[in-house]
C-alpha atoms as a PDB file:
ATOM      1  CA  UNK A   1      16.334  26.121 -12.513  1.00  0.00           C
ATOM      2  CA  UNK A   2      17.335  23.129 -14.621  1.00  0.00           C
ATOM      3  CA  UNK A   3      15.652  20.696 -12.194  1.00  0.00           C
ATOM      4  CA  UNK A   4      12.498  22.827 -12.196  1.00  0.00           C
ATOM      5  CA  UNK A   5      12.380  22.774 -15.995  1.00  0.00           C
ATOM      6  CA  UNK A   6      12.809  18.995 -16.033  1.00  0.00           C
ATOM      7  CA  UNK A   7      10.032  18.612 -13.459  1.00  0.00           C
ATOM      8  CA  UNK A   8       7.643  20.816 -15.462  1.00  0.00           C
ATOM      9  CA  UNK A   9       8.343  18.896 -18.649  1.00  0.00           C
ATOM     10  CA  UNK A  10       7.846  15.634 -16.775  1.00  0.00           C
ATOM     11  CA  UNK A  11       4.477  16.710 -15.332  1.00  0.00           C
ATOM     12  CA  UNK A  12       3.289  17.672 -18.803  1.00  0.00           C
ATOM     13  CA  UNK A  13       4.451  14.324 -20.143  1.00  0.00           C
ATOM     14  CA  UNK A  14       2.539  12.439 -17.438  1.00  0.00           C
ATOM     15  CA  UNK A  15      -0.750  13.740 -18.811  1.00  0.00           C
ATOM     16  CA  UNK A  16      -0.099  12.505 -22.334  1.00  0.00           C
ATOM     17  CA  UNK A  17       2.005   9.368 -21.973  1.00  0.00           C
ATOM     18  CA  UNK A  18       0.142   6.074 -22.078  1.00  0.00           C
ATOM     19  CA  UNK A  19      -0.056   3.764 -19.090  1.00  0.00           C
ATOM     20  CA  UNK A  20       3.376   2.284 -18.286  1.00  0.00           C
ATOM     21  CA  UNK A  21       3.921  -1.178 -19.688  1.00  0.00           C
ATOM     22  CA  UNK A  22       3.374  -3.622 -16.820  1.00  0.00           C
ATOM     23  CA  UNK A  23       5.918  -5.969 -15.299  1.00  0.00           C
ATOM     24  CA  UNK A  24       4.474  -9.469 -14.790  1.00  0.00           C
ATOM     25  CA  UNK A  25       5.892 -10.436 -11.426  1.00  0.00           C
ATOM     26  CA  UNK A  26       5.496 -14.195 -11.768  1.00  0.00           C
ATOM     27  CA  UNK A  27       6.592 -14.425 -15.406  1.00  0.00           C
ATOM     28  CA  UNK A  28       9.847 -16.285 -14.737  1.00  0.00           C
ATOM     29  CA  UNK A  29       8.758 -18.301 -11.704  1.00  0.00           C
ATOM     30  CA  UNK A  30       8.241 -22.005 -12.313  1.00  0.00           C
ATOM     31  CA  UNK A  31       4.598 -23.019 -11.998  1.00  0.00           C
ATOM     32  CA  UNK A  32       3.448 -19.405 -11.731  1.00  0.00           C
ATOM     33  CA  UNK A  33       3.960 -18.164 -15.264  1.00  0.00           C
ATOM     34  CA  UNK A  34       0.220 -17.859 -15.956  1.00  0.00           C
ATOM     35  CA  UNK A  35      -0.451 -15.599 -12.974  1.00  0.00           C
ATOM     36  CA  UNK A  36      -1.440 -12.071 -14.043  1.00  0.00           C
ATOM     37  CA  UNK A  37      -0.078 -10.090 -11.082  1.00  0.00           C
ATOM     38  CA  UNK A  38       1.316  -6.878 -12.542  1.00  0.00           C
ATOM     39  CA  UNK A  39       3.409  -3.958 -11.402  1.00  0.00           C
ATOM     40  CA  UNK A  40       3.101  -0.611 -13.203  1.00  0.00           C
ATOM     41  CA  UNK A  41       6.321   1.336 -12.793  1.00  0.00           C
ATOM     42  CA  UNK A  42       6.117   5.144 -12.689  1.00  0.00           C
ATOM     43  CA  UNK A  43       9.774   6.146 -12.843  1.00  0.00           C
ATOM     44  CA  UNK A  44      10.851   9.715 -12.157  1.00  0.00           C
ATOM     45  CA  UNK A  45      13.777  11.402 -13.922  1.00  0.00           C
ATOM     46  CA  UNK A  46      17.063  10.977 -12.074  1.00  0.00           C
ATOM     47  CA  UNK A  47      17.442  14.749 -11.842  1.00  0.00           C
ATOM     48  CA  UNK A  48      14.428  15.083  -9.503  1.00  0.00           C
ATOM     49  CA  UNK A  49      14.456  11.651  -7.849  1.00  0.00           C
ATOM     50  CA  UNK A  50      14.297  11.655  -4.049  1.00  0.00           C
ATOM     51  CA  UNK A  51      15.705   8.119  -3.939  1.00  0.00           C
ATOM     52  CA  UNK A  52      12.429   6.779  -2.554  1.00  0.00           C
ATOM     53  CA  UNK A  53       9.918   4.338  -4.021  1.00  0.00           C
ATOM     54  CA  UNK A  54       6.345   3.570  -2.971  1.00  0.00           C
ATOM     55  CA  UNK A  55       4.395   0.428  -3.873  1.00  0.00           C
ATOM     56  CA  UNK A  56       0.730   1.413  -4.176  1.00  0.00           C
ATOM     57  CA  UNK A  57      -2.065  -1.093  -3.492  1.00  0.00           C
ATOM     58  CA  UNK A  58      -5.570  -0.001  -4.562  1.00  0.00           C
ATOM     59  CA  UNK A  59      -8.605  -1.142  -2.594  1.00  0.00           C
ATOM     60  CA  UNK A  60     -11.743  -3.035  -3.568  1.00  0.00           C
ATOM     61  CA  UNK A  61     -12.698  -5.359  -0.687  1.00  0.00           C
ATOM     62  CA  UNK A  62     -10.077  -7.890  -1.835  1.00  0.00           C
ATOM     63  CA  UNK A  63     -12.638  -8.558  -4.582  1.00  0.00           C
ATOM     64  CA  UNK A  64     -11.659  -6.064  -7.292  1.00  0.00           C
ATOM     65  CA  UNK A  65      -9.265  -3.120  -7.543  1.00  0.00           C
ATOM     66  CA  UNK A  66      -9.900   0.614  -7.870  1.00  0.00           C
ATOM     67  CA  UNK A  67      -6.901   1.112 -10.129  1.00  0.00           C
ATOM     68  CA  UNK A  68      -7.581   4.625 -11.514  1.00  0.00           C
ATOM     69  CA  UNK A  69      -8.231   6.703  -8.378  1.00  0.00           C
ATOM     70  CA  UNK A  70      -6.344   4.574  -5.822  1.00  0.00           C
ATOM     71  CA  UNK A  71      -3.542   3.564  -8.145  1.00  0.00           C
ATOM     72  CA  UNK A  72      -2.646   5.551 -11.237  1.00  0.00           C
ATOM     73  CA  UNK A  73      -3.674   8.985  -9.937  1.00  0.00           C
ATOM     74  CA  UNK A  74      -1.793   8.380  -6.696  1.00  0.00           C
ATOM     75  CA  UNK A  75       1.286   7.313  -8.673  1.00  0.00           C
ATOM     76  CA  UNK A  76       1.202  10.536 -10.676  1.00  0.00           C
ATOM     77  CA  UNK A  77       1.123  12.610  -7.495  1.00  0.00           C
ATOM     78  CA  UNK A  78       4.023  10.642  -6.017  1.00  0.00           C
ATOM     79  CA  UNK A  79       5.971  11.243  -9.231  1.00  0.00           C
ATOM     80  CA  UNK A  80       5.300  14.975  -8.938  1.00  0.00           C
ATOM     81  CA  UNK A  81       7.098  14.820  -5.575  1.00  0.00           C
ATOM     82  CA  UNK A  82      10.139  13.060  -7.044  1.00  0.00           C
ATOM     83  CA  UNK A  83       9.042   9.644  -5.745  1.00  0.00           C
ATOM     84  CA  UNK A  84       9.039   6.574  -7.983  1.00  0.00           C
ATOM     85  CA  UNK A  85       5.715   4.738  -7.761  1.00  0.00           C
ATOM     86  CA  UNK A  86       4.856   1.091  -8.378  1.00  0.00           C
ATOM     87  CA  UNK A  87       1.141   0.348  -8.735  1.00  0.00           C
ATOM     88  CA  UNK A  88       0.428  -3.274  -7.841  1.00  0.00           C
ATOM     89  CA  UNK A  89      -2.431  -5.145  -9.481  1.00  0.00           C
ATOM     90  CA  UNK A  90      -2.544  -7.988  -6.994  1.00  0.00           C
ATOM     91  CA  UNK A  91      -4.707 -11.102  -7.133  1.00  0.00           C
ATOM     92  CA  UNK A  92      -8.244 -10.774  -5.755  1.00  0.00           C
ATOM     93  CA  UNK A  93     -11.396 -12.713  -4.959  1.00  0.00           C
ATOM     94  CA  UNK A  94     -13.303 -11.975  -8.167  1.00  0.00           C
ATOM     95  CA  UNK A  95     -10.788 -14.224  -9.914  1.00  0.00           C
ATOM     96  CA  UNK A  96     -11.055 -16.947  -7.298  1.00  0.00           C
ATOM     97  CA  UNK A  97      -8.034 -16.044  -5.168  1.00  0.00           C
ATOM     98  CA  UNK A  98      -7.783 -16.098  -1.373  1.00  0.00           C
ATOM     99  CA  UNK A  99      -4.928 -15.807   1.117  1.00  0.00           C
ATOM    100  CA  UNK A 100      -1.955 -16.242   0.664  1.00  0.00           C
ATOM    101  CA  UNK A 101      -2.144 -14.932  -2.916  1.00  0.00           C
ATOM    102  CA  UNK A 102      -2.337 -11.294  -1.831  1.00  0.00           C
ATOM    103  CA  UNK A 103       0.555 -11.301   0.645  1.00  0.00           C
ATOM    104  CA  UNK A 104       2.646 -13.302  -1.818  1.00  0.00           C
ATOM    105  CA  UNK A 105       2.035 -10.648  -4.452  1.00  0.00           C
ATOM    106  CA  UNK A 106       3.123  -7.742  -2.282  1.00  0.00           C
ATOM    107  CA  UNK A 107       6.158  -9.602  -0.946  1.00  0.00           C
ATOM    108  CA  UNK A 108       7.129 -10.431  -4.517  1.00  0.00           C
ATOM    109  CA  UNK A 109       6.667  -6.761  -5.441  1.00  0.00           C
ATOM    110  CA  UNK A 110       8.921  -5.649  -2.575  1.00  0.00           C
ATOM    111  CA  UNK A 111      11.527  -8.204  -3.634  1.00  0.00           C
ATOM    112  CA  UNK A 112      11.359  -7.059  -7.261  1.00  0.00           C
ATOM    113  CA  UNK A 113      11.637  -3.354  -6.430  1.00  0.00           C
ATOM    114  CA  UNK A 114      14.581  -3.847  -4.074  1.00  0.00           C
ATOM    115  CA  UNK A 115      16.425  -6.037  -6.580  1.00  0.00           C
ATOM    116  CA  UNK A 116      15.715  -4.023  -9.730  1.00  0.00           C
ATOM    117  CA  UNK A 117      15.990  -0.472  -8.397  1.00  0.00           C
ATOM    118  CA  UNK A 118      18.951  -0.409  -5.996  1.00  0.00           C
ATOM    119  CA  UNK A 119      19.188   3.366  -6.470  1.00  0.00           C
ATOM    120  CA  UNK A 120      16.026   3.690  -4.372  1.00  0.00           C
ATOM    121  CA  UNK A 121      17.276   3.692  -0.793  1.00  0.00           C
ATOM    122  CA  UNK A 122      13.861   3.587   0.874  1.00  0.00           C
ATOM    123  CA  UNK A 123      10.834   1.537  -0.219  1.00  0.00           C
ATOM    124  CA  UNK A 124       7.449   2.228   1.344  1.00  0.00           C
ATOM    125  CA  UNK A 125       4.029   0.667   0.817  1.00  0.00           C
ATOM    126  CA  UNK A 126       0.737   2.554   0.548  1.00  0.00           C
ATOM    127  CA  UNK A 127      -2.707   0.984   0.398  1.00  0.00           C
ATOM    128  CA  UNK A 128      -6.330   2.041   0.320  1.00  0.00           C
ATOM    129  CA  UNK A 129      -9.207   0.243   2.091  1.00  0.00           C
ATOM    130  CA  UNK A 130      -8.476  -3.500   1.660  1.00  0.00           C
ATOM    131  CA  UNK A 131      -5.168  -2.421   0.144  1.00  0.00           C
ATOM    132  CA  UNK A 132      -4.512  -0.704   3.474  1.00  0.00           C
ATOM    133  CA  UNK A 133      -4.925  -4.064   5.173  1.00  0.00           C
ATOM    134  CA  UNK A 134      -2.536  -5.632   2.689  1.00  0.00           C
ATOM    135  CA  UNK A 135       0.234  -3.080   3.250  1.00  0.00           C
ATOM    136  CA  UNK A 136      -0.209  -3.388   7.014  1.00  0.00           C
ATOM    137  CA  UNK A 137       0.267  -7.148   6.623  1.00  0.00           C
ATOM    138  CA  UNK A 138       3.420  -6.438   4.623  1.00  0.00           C
ATOM    139  CA  UNK A 139       4.734  -4.389   7.530  1.00  0.00           C
ATOM    140  CA  UNK A 140       3.719  -6.817  10.260  1.00  0.00           C
ATOM    141  CA  UNK A 141       4.544 -10.124   8.525  1.00  0.00           C
ATOM    142  CA  UNK A 142       7.834  -9.303   6.800  1.00  0.00           C
ATOM    143  CA  UNK A 143       9.662 -12.007   8.762  1.00  0.00           C
ATOM    144  CA  UNK A 144       7.260 -14.638   7.414  1.00  0.00           C
ATOM    145  CA  UNK A 145       8.444 -15.526   3.933  1.00  0.00           C
ATOM    146  CA  UNK A 146       5.215 -16.381   2.117  1.00  0.00           C
ATOM    147  CA  UNK A 147       7.281 -16.861  -1.046  1.00  0.00           C
ATOM    148  CA  UNK A 148       9.050 -19.887   0.405  1.00  0.00           C
ATOM    149  CA  UNK A 149       6.222 -22.213  -0.630  1.00  0.00           C
ATOM    150  CA  UNK A 150       6.909 -21.161  -4.223  1.00  0.00           C
ATOM    151  CA  UNK A 151      10.609 -21.878  -3.844  1.00  0.00           C
ATOM    152  CA  UNK A 152      11.744 -18.267  -3.465  1.00  0.00           C
ATOM    153  CA  UNK A 153      14.237 -17.235  -0.804  1.00  0.00           C
ATOM    154  CA  UNK A 154      14.766 -13.474  -1.276  1.00  0.00           C
ATOM    155  CA  UNK A 155      18.247 -12.123  -0.622  1.00  0.00           C
ATOM    156  CA  UNK A 156      16.788  -8.674   0.037  1.00  0.00           C
ATOM    157  CA  UNK A 157      14.707  -7.517   2.976  1.00  0.00           C
ATOM    158  CA  UNK A 158      10.922  -7.885   2.684  1.00  0.00           C
ATOM    159  CA  UNK A 159      10.447  -5.216   5.343  1.00  0.00           C
ATOM    160  CA  UNK A 160       8.988  -1.979   3.963  1.00  0.00           C
ATOM    161  CA  UNK A 161      10.660   1.173   5.246  1.00  0.00           C
ATOM    162  CA  UNK A 162       7.265   2.741   5.989  1.00  0.00           C
ATOM    163  CA  UNK A 163       3.587   1.814   5.743  1.00  0.00           C
ATOM    164  CA  UNK A 164       0.709   4.096   4.673  1.00  0.00           C
ATOM    165  CA  UNK A 165      -2.800   2.655   5.245  1.00  0.00           C
ATOM    166  CA  UNK A 166      -5.539   4.995   3.963  1.00  0.00           C
ATOM    167  CA  UNK A 167      -9.098   4.408   5.306  1.00  0.00           C
ATOM    168  CA  UNK A 168      -7.942   0.817   5.842  1.00  0.00           C
ATOM    169  CA  UNK A 169      -9.595  -2.446   6.636  1.00  0.00           C
ATOM    170  CA  UNK A 170      -7.762  -3.555   9.794  1.00  0.00           C
ATOM    171  CA  UNK A 171      -9.700  -6.110  11.829  1.00  0.00           C
ATOM    172  CA  UNK A 172     -11.305  -9.437  10.987  1.00  0.00           C
ATOM    173  CA  UNK A 173     -13.158  -9.548  14.318  1.00  0.00           C
ATOM    174  CA  UNK A 174     -16.970  -9.658  14.106  1.00  0.00           C
ATOM    175  CA  UNK A 175     -17.310  -6.339  15.913  1.00  0.00           C
ATOM    176  CA  UNK A 176     -15.236  -4.403  13.367  1.00  0.00           C
ATOM    177  CA  UNK A 177     -14.738  -6.517  10.258  1.00  0.00           C
ATOM    178  CA  UNK A 178     -15.561  -5.306   6.790  1.00  0.00           C
ATOM    179  CA  UNK A 179     -17.349  -8.530   5.932  1.00  0.00           C
ATOM    180  CA  UNK A 180     -16.812  -8.484   2.184  1.00  0.00           C
ATOM    181  CA  UNK A 181     -13.073  -8.008   2.606  1.00  0.00           C
ATOM    182  CA  UNK A 182     -12.923 -10.806   5.159  1.00  0.00           C
ATOM    183  CA  UNK A 183     -14.849 -13.151   2.882  1.00  0.00           C
ATOM    184  CA  UNK A 184     -12.567 -12.447  -0.071  1.00  0.00           C
ATOM    185  CA  UNK A 185      -9.402 -12.799   1.995  1.00  0.00           C
ATOM    186  CA  UNK A 186     -10.070 -15.920   4.082  1.00  0.00           C
ATOM    187  CA  UNK A 187     -13.428 -17.227   2.845  1.00  0.00           C
ATOM    188  CA  UNK A 188     -16.707 -17.718   4.669  1.00  0.00           C
ATOM    189  CA  UNK A 189     -15.552 -20.670   6.770  1.00  0.00           C
ATOM    190  CA  UNK A 190     -12.571 -19.753   8.917  1.00  0.00           C
ATOM    191  CA  UNK A 191     -11.150 -20.564  12.318  1.00  0.00           C
ATOM    192  CA  UNK A 192     -10.685 -18.187  15.234  1.00  0.00           C
ATOM    193  CA  UNK A 193      -6.955 -18.590  14.690  1.00  0.00           C
ATOM    194  CA  UNK A 194      -7.325 -17.292  11.137  1.00  0.00           C
ATOM    195  CA  UNK A 195      -9.591 -14.445  12.270  1.00  0.00           C
ATOM    196  CA  UNK A 196      -7.010 -13.364  14.842  1.00  0.00           C
ATOM    197  CA  UNK A 197      -4.067 -13.843  12.481  1.00  0.00           C
ATOM    198  CA  UNK A 198      -5.477 -11.337  10.003  1.00  0.00           C
ATOM    199  CA  UNK A 199      -6.761  -8.853  12.554  1.00  0.00           C
ATOM    200  CA  UNK A 200      -3.867  -6.475  12.232  1.00  0.00           C
ATOM    201  CA  UNK A 201      -4.499  -4.750  15.547  1.00  0.00           C
ATOM    202  CA  UNK A 202      -3.422  -8.060  17.107  1.00  0.00           C
ATOM    203  CA  UNK A 203      -0.301  -8.461  14.964  1.00  0.00           C
ATOM    204  CA  UNK A 204       1.775  -5.365  15.646  1.00  0.00           C
ATOM    205  CA  UNK A 205       5.306  -6.222  16.788  1.00  0.00           C
ATOM    206  CA  UNK A 206       8.204  -4.176  18.142  1.00  0.00           C
ATOM    207  CA  UNK A 207       9.914  -4.027  14.744  1.00  0.00           C
ATOM    208  CA  UNK A 208       6.896  -2.763  12.794  1.00  0.00           C
ATOM    209  CA  UNK A 209       7.985  -0.042  10.319  1.00  0.00           C
ATOM    210  CA  UNK A 210       6.829   3.554  10.843  1.00  0.00           C
ATOM    211  CA  UNK A 211       3.168   4.081   9.922  1.00  0.00           C
ATOM    212  CA  UNK A 212       1.195   7.009   8.492  1.00  0.00           C
ATOM    213  CA  UNK A 213      -2.503   6.233   9.054  1.00  0.00           C
ATOM    214  CA  UNK A 214      -5.542   8.123   7.707  1.00  0.00           C
ATOM    215  CA  UNK A 215      -9.316   7.766   8.044  1.00  0.00           C
ATOM    216  CA  UNK A 216     -12.530   9.748   8.630  1.00  0.00           C
ATOM    217  CA  UNK A 217     -15.230   9.217  11.245  1.00  0.00           C
ATOM    218  CA  UNK A 218     -18.027   9.331   8.644  1.00  0.00           C
ATOM    219  CA  UNK A 219     -16.611   6.451   6.573  1.00  0.00           C
ATOM    220  CA  UNK A 220     -19.754   4.543   5.477  1.00  0.00           C
ATOM    221  CA  UNK A 221     -17.873   1.467   4.237  1.00  0.00           C
ATOM    222  CA  UNK A 222     -15.137   0.578   6.729  1.00  0.00           C
ATOM    223  CA  UNK A 223     -15.826   1.447  10.368  1.00  0.00           C
ATOM    224  CA  UNK A 224     -13.320   4.124  11.365  1.00  0.00           C
ATOM    225  CA  UNK A 225     -12.765   2.253  14.622  1.00  0.00           C
ATOM    226  CA  UNK A 226     -10.623  -0.157  12.570  1.00  0.00           C
ATOM    227  CA  UNK A 227      -8.028   2.614  12.404  1.00  0.00           C
ATOM    228  CA  UNK A 228      -8.561   3.544  16.050  1.00  0.00           C
ATOM    229  CA  UNK A 229      -7.747  -0.065  16.987  1.00  0.00           C
ATOM    230  CA  UNK A 230      -4.618   0.000  14.819  1.00  0.00           C
ATOM    231  CA  UNK A 231      -3.530   3.332  16.295  1.00  0.00           C
ATOM    232  CA  UNK A 232      -3.939   1.889  19.791  1.00  0.00           C
ATOM    233  CA  UNK A 233      -1.868  -1.177  18.909  1.00  0.00           C
ATOM    234  CA  UNK A 234       0.895   0.959  17.394  1.00  0.00           C
ATOM    235  CA  UNK A 235       0.905   3.206  20.443  1.00  0.00           C
ATOM    236  CA  UNK A 236       1.110   0.231  22.806  1.00  0.00           C
ATOM    237  CA  UNK A 237       4.183  -1.032  20.945  1.00  0.00           C
ATOM    238  CA  UNK A 238       5.774   2.429  20.779  1.00  0.00           C
ATOM    239  CA  UNK A 239       5.852   2.326  16.983  1.00  0.00           C
ATOM    240  CA  UNK A 240       6.687   5.617  15.280  1.00  0.00           C
ATOM    241  CA  UNK A 241       3.406   6.605  13.658  1.00  0.00           C
ATOM    242  CA  UNK A 242       1.038   9.434  12.819  1.00  0.00           C
ATOM    243  CA  UNK A 243      -2.741   9.030  12.904  1.00  0.00           C
ATOM    244  CA  UNK A 244      -4.907  11.511  11.011  1.00  0.00           C
ATOM    245  CA  UNK A 245      -8.526  11.111  12.132  1.00  0.00           C
ATOM    246  CA  UNK A 246     -10.841  13.451  10.249  1.00  0.00           C
ATOM    247  CA  UNK A 247     -14.472  14.196  11.035  1.00  0.00           C
ATOM    248  CA  UNK A 248     -15.615  13.994   7.406  1.00  0.00           C
ATOM    249  CA  UNK A 249     -14.299  12.539   4.172  1.00  0.00           C
ATOM    250  CA  UNK A 250     -16.154   9.295   3.624  1.00  0.00           C
ATOM    251  CA  UNK A 251     -14.464   6.446   1.818  1.00  0.00           C
ATOM    252  CA  UNK A 252     -12.806   5.805  -1.512  1.00  0.00           C
ATOM    253  CA  UNK A 253     -11.605   9.345  -2.203  1.00  0.00           C
ATOM    254  CA  UNK A 254      -7.950   8.521  -2.765  1.00  0.00           C
ATOM    255  CA  UNK A 255      -6.444  11.978  -3.277  1.00  0.00           C
ATOM    256  CA  UNK A 256      -9.533  13.441  -4.981  1.00  0.00           C
ATOM    257  CA  UNK A 257     -10.725  16.592  -3.195  1.00  0.00           C
ATOM    258  CA  UNK A 258     -13.999  16.514  -5.154  1.00  0.00           C
ATOM    259  CA  UNK A 259     -14.831  13.284  -3.312  1.00  0.00           C
ATOM    260  CA  UNK A 260     -13.125  13.715   0.039  1.00  0.00           C
ATOM    261  CA  UNK A 261     -12.914  17.468   0.480  1.00  0.00           C
ATOM    262  CA  UNK A 262     -10.128  18.690   2.745  1.00  0.00           C
ATOM    263  CA  UNK A 263      -9.571  15.144   4.004  1.00  0.00           C
ATOM    264  CA  UNK A 264      -8.307  14.174   0.542  1.00  0.00           C
ATOM    265  CA  UNK A 265      -5.410  16.588   1.125  1.00  0.00           C
ATOM    266  CA  UNK A 266      -3.844  14.146   3.586  1.00  0.00           C
ATOM    267  CA  UNK A 267      -1.036  13.803   1.067  1.00  0.00           C
ATOM    268  CA  UNK A 268       0.192  17.292   1.982  1.00  0.00           C
ATOM    269  CA  UNK A 269       0.691  16.179   5.593  1.00  0.00           C
ATOM    270  CA  UNK A 270       2.161  12.894   4.341  1.00  0.00           C
ATOM    271  CA  UNK A 271       4.876  14.745   2.416  1.00  0.00           C
ATOM    272  CA  UNK A 272       5.742  16.705   5.567  1.00  0.00           C
ATOM    273  CA  UNK A 273       5.889  13.412   7.478  1.00  0.00           C
ATOM    274  CA  UNK A 274       8.319  11.957   4.936  1.00  0.00           C
ATOM    275  CA  UNK A 275      10.568  14.995   5.393  1.00  0.00           C
ATOM    276  CA  UNK A 276      10.318  14.991   9.198  1.00  0.00           C
ATOM    277  CA  UNK A 277      11.227  11.295   9.335  1.00  0.00           C
ATOM    278  CA  UNK A 278      14.184  11.667   6.991  1.00  0.00           C
ATOM    279  CA  UNK A 279      12.796   9.658   4.080  1.00  0.00           C
ATOM    280  CA  UNK A 280      13.086  12.574   1.678  1.00  0.00           C
ATOM    281  CA  UNK A 281      14.818  15.942   1.742  1.00  0.00           C
ATOM    282  CA  UNK A 282      12.844  19.133   1.294  1.00  0.00           C
END
C-alpha cells in the first residue's frame, strides 16, 4: 500500500515538475567542454525502483531529434514502471556533426550511467528511427572504444544489457537505406567499407545483447525490411530477441496511440519481455 501511494504521488508529480536539469556529458573532458551533448535524468523513487535504467535516444534522421514524443514522454512511461530513464540529446547533422560523434555520445552516456548510478544493475538502450540505429550500434560495437580518441578508457562495461530499436534505421545499403539518415551519419561521399560498417544487419556478433525490435509494414519513412534484415541477422547468430512486426502503425508514433493505434502499445509487450528475461520483477 505504501509503495502504491508513493507511485501515485510520483505520477502526479511527473505532470507538474519541470524538465529535469540536464547533465552535460563532456563538461569535464579536456577539449570537449563546449560540446552540448546532454543527458536528462528521470530518476524514480527508491521505493518503486526496479533497479533498471534505460538510455533513450530519440530519432530524427541523425539530423535533428524528436525529443518530446520519442524522449520525454517515453521517459515518463518508463518511470511509471519503476525504471529510471536517461534521455540522450546526442550530436546530429543539423549542427554539422557526423560519425563518430553519435556513437561517442552514447558510449559516454553508458559510461556515465554505469559510474554514477551503481544501484542500477541493468542498463538498456532504446532508440527510435535513427536513434534505433544508434542503439543497435551501441550493442554491436561495444568492444570498440570510440572514446579512446578523446583519451577516455572506461573502467565500466560499454555493453548495454539489452537493446530496443523502434521502427529503426538499420541498413546503409542502397536497397534499404534511409538516405537522409545515411547522409547525416557518414556524409554523401563514403566508401563501400563505410557503407558495410554501418549496415547493422552485417555487424551482429555472437555477443550481441538481447534485442526487442518493433516496426510496422506500412512505415512510410523507413522501409520495414530494415527490421526484417536485422531480425534475420539476429536469428542467424542465435541472439535472444523478439521481433514485433505489425501490419499498420506508420512511423514516428513513439508510444502515442493517437498516432500509431494499437501498434503504439508495443510497450505493454516490452514490459512482459523485461519480466520474462529477468530484467525486472513483476
